[in-house]
Every structure is written in structure tokens, then in C-alpha cells.
Amino acid sequence: MQELESSLANKVFCIQELENNLHAQKEVNNRQLEEIKTLNDMLNNEARRIKSLERESDRLRAEISLLESKVISKLFQELHGAFGLRH
């Protein structure tokens, strides 16, 4: 009988240890999940920022292209005027 009680007490202790380990692992998992969520939010913010910078870059390229066209047009006008050329 004493051996049975000892075995039962040992099993109860083992179950408590497993429950403690499970609780500790859940805490670790929750912290990791929160860290993943934070990193994911940061990644999404950076992705939006990159998209915004890409749009700004496209806009600036288009503006530069327009300015280049105007400068070239102006240069041709000045050259035609300087040499008395007509179309």
C-alpha cells in the first residue's frame, strides 16, 4: 500500500512538473507571438513606405523627363533663332 501511495505521489509530482513546464512554454510562445506581430507590423510599415517612395520616384522621373523636354525644346528654339533657321 505504501508503495502504491509513493507511486501515486510521484505521478502527481510529475504531472505538476509537466503543467509547470507547459505553462512556462505557453508564456514563451506568447512572447514570441507578440514579437512576431510587432515585427510583422514593422515590416508592413516599411513595405508601405517603400511603395510610397517608389511612387515619389516615379513622379520625380516624370517631372525630370518633362523638364528635359522643355529644356531641349527651348535649346532648339534658341538655336533656330541664333542661326535664323525656320521650319
Protein backbone atom coordinates (compact mmCIF):
# COMPACT_ATOMS: atom_id res chain seq x y z
CA MET A 1 0.00 0.00 0.00
CA GLN A 2 2.82 2.37 0.90
CA GLU A 3 4.46 1.63 -2.45
CA LEU A 4 1.21 2.49 -4.24
CA GLU A 5 0.93 5.80 -2.35
CA SER A 6 4.54 6.61 -3.14
CA SER A 7 3.98 5.82 -6.82
CA LEU A 8 0.85 7.97 -6.85
CA ALA A 9 2.67 10.86 -5.14
CA ASN A 10 5.47 10.56 -7.71
CA LYS A 11 2.96 10.65 -10.57
CA VAL A 12 1.23 13.69 -9.07
CA PHE A 13 4.62 15.42 -8.80
CA CYS A 14 5.42 14.54 -12.43
CA ILE A 15 2.04 15.91 -13.57
CA GLN A 16 2.65 19.16 -11.66
CA GLU A 17 6.09 19.47 -13.26
CA LEU A 18 4.60 18.90 -16.71
CA GLU A 19 1.91 21.51 -16.01
CA ASN A 20 4.58 23.98 -14.87
CA ASN A 21 6.64 23.29 -17.99
CA LEU A 22 3.57 23.66 -20.17
CA HIS A 23 2.71 26.99 -18.53
CA ALA A 24 6.29 28.24 -19.00
CA GLN A 25 6.26 27.16 -22.65
CA LYS A 26 2.95 28.93 -23.22
CA GLU A 27 4.47 32.14 -21.83
CA VAL A 28 7.46 31.79 -24.17
CA ASN A 29 5.12 31.13 -27.10
CA ASN A 30 3.01 34.19 -26.23
CA ARG A 31 6.10 36.42 -26.03
CA GLN A 32 7.32 35.08 -29.37
CA LEU A 33 3.91 35.60 -30.92
CA GLU A 34 3.86 39.22 -29.72
CA GLU A 35 7.34 39.74 -31.11
CA ILE A 36 6.28 38.25 -34.45
CA LYS A 37 3.24 40.54 -34.54
CA THR A 38 5.43 43.56 -33.78
CA LEU A 39 7.95 42.61 -36.45
CA ASN A 40 5.15 41.97 -38.93
CA ASP A 41 3.70 45.43 -38.22
CA MET A 42 7.14 46.95 -38.73
CA LEU A 43 7.56 45.02 -41.98
CA ASN A 44 4.15 46.18 -43.25
CA ASN A 45 5.01 49.79 -42.37
CA GLU A 46 8.30 49.53 -44.24
CA ALA A 47 6.55 47.96 -47.24
CA ARG A 48 4.09 50.90 -47.32
CA ARG A 49 6.99 53.34 -47.01
CA ILE A 50 8.82 51.64 -49.90
CA LYS A 51 5.69 51.80 -52.07
CA SER A 52 5.35 55.48 -51.24
CA LEU A 53 9.00 56.13 -52.12
CA GLU A 54 8.58 54.21 -55.38
CA ARG A 55 5.58 56.38 -56.30
CA GLU A 56 7.55 59.52 -55.42
CA SER A 57 10.47 58.27 -57.50
CA ASP A 58 8.17 57.66 -60.49
CA ARG A 59 6.66 61.13 -60.07
CA LEU A 60 10.11 62.74 -59.93
CA ARG A 61 11.28 60.78 -63.00
CA ALA A 62 8.24 62.01 -64.93
CA GLU A 63 8.89 65.57 -63.78
CA ILE A 64 12.56 65.34 -64.81
CA SER A 65 11.54 63.96 -68.20
CA LEU A 66 9.12 66.84 -68.71
CA LEU A 67 11.77 69.39 -67.70
CA GLU A 68 14.31 67.78 -70.03
CA SER A 69 11.81 68.02 -72.89
CA LYS A 70 11.20 71.70 -72.14
CA VAL A 71 14.94 72.43 -71.96
CA ILE A 72 15.62 70.63 -75.25
CA SER A 73 12.71 72.43 -76.89
CA LYS A 74 14.00 75.77 -75.62
CA LEU A 75 17.52 74.99 -76.86
CA PHE A 76 16.23 74.15 -80.33
CA GLN A 77 14.22 77.36 -80.38
CA GLU A 78 17.29 79.35 -79.40
CA LEU A 79 19.45 77.56 -81.97
CA HIS A 80 16.92 78.20 -84.71
CA GLY A 81 16.72 81.82 -83.64
CA ALA A 82 20.52 82.20 -83.47
CA PHE A 83 21.07 80.79 -86.94
CA GLY A 84 17.96 82.27 -88.46
CA LEU A 85 16.57 78.85 -89.24
CA ARG A 86 12.91 78.37 -89.91
CA HIS A 87 10.69 75.35 -90.22
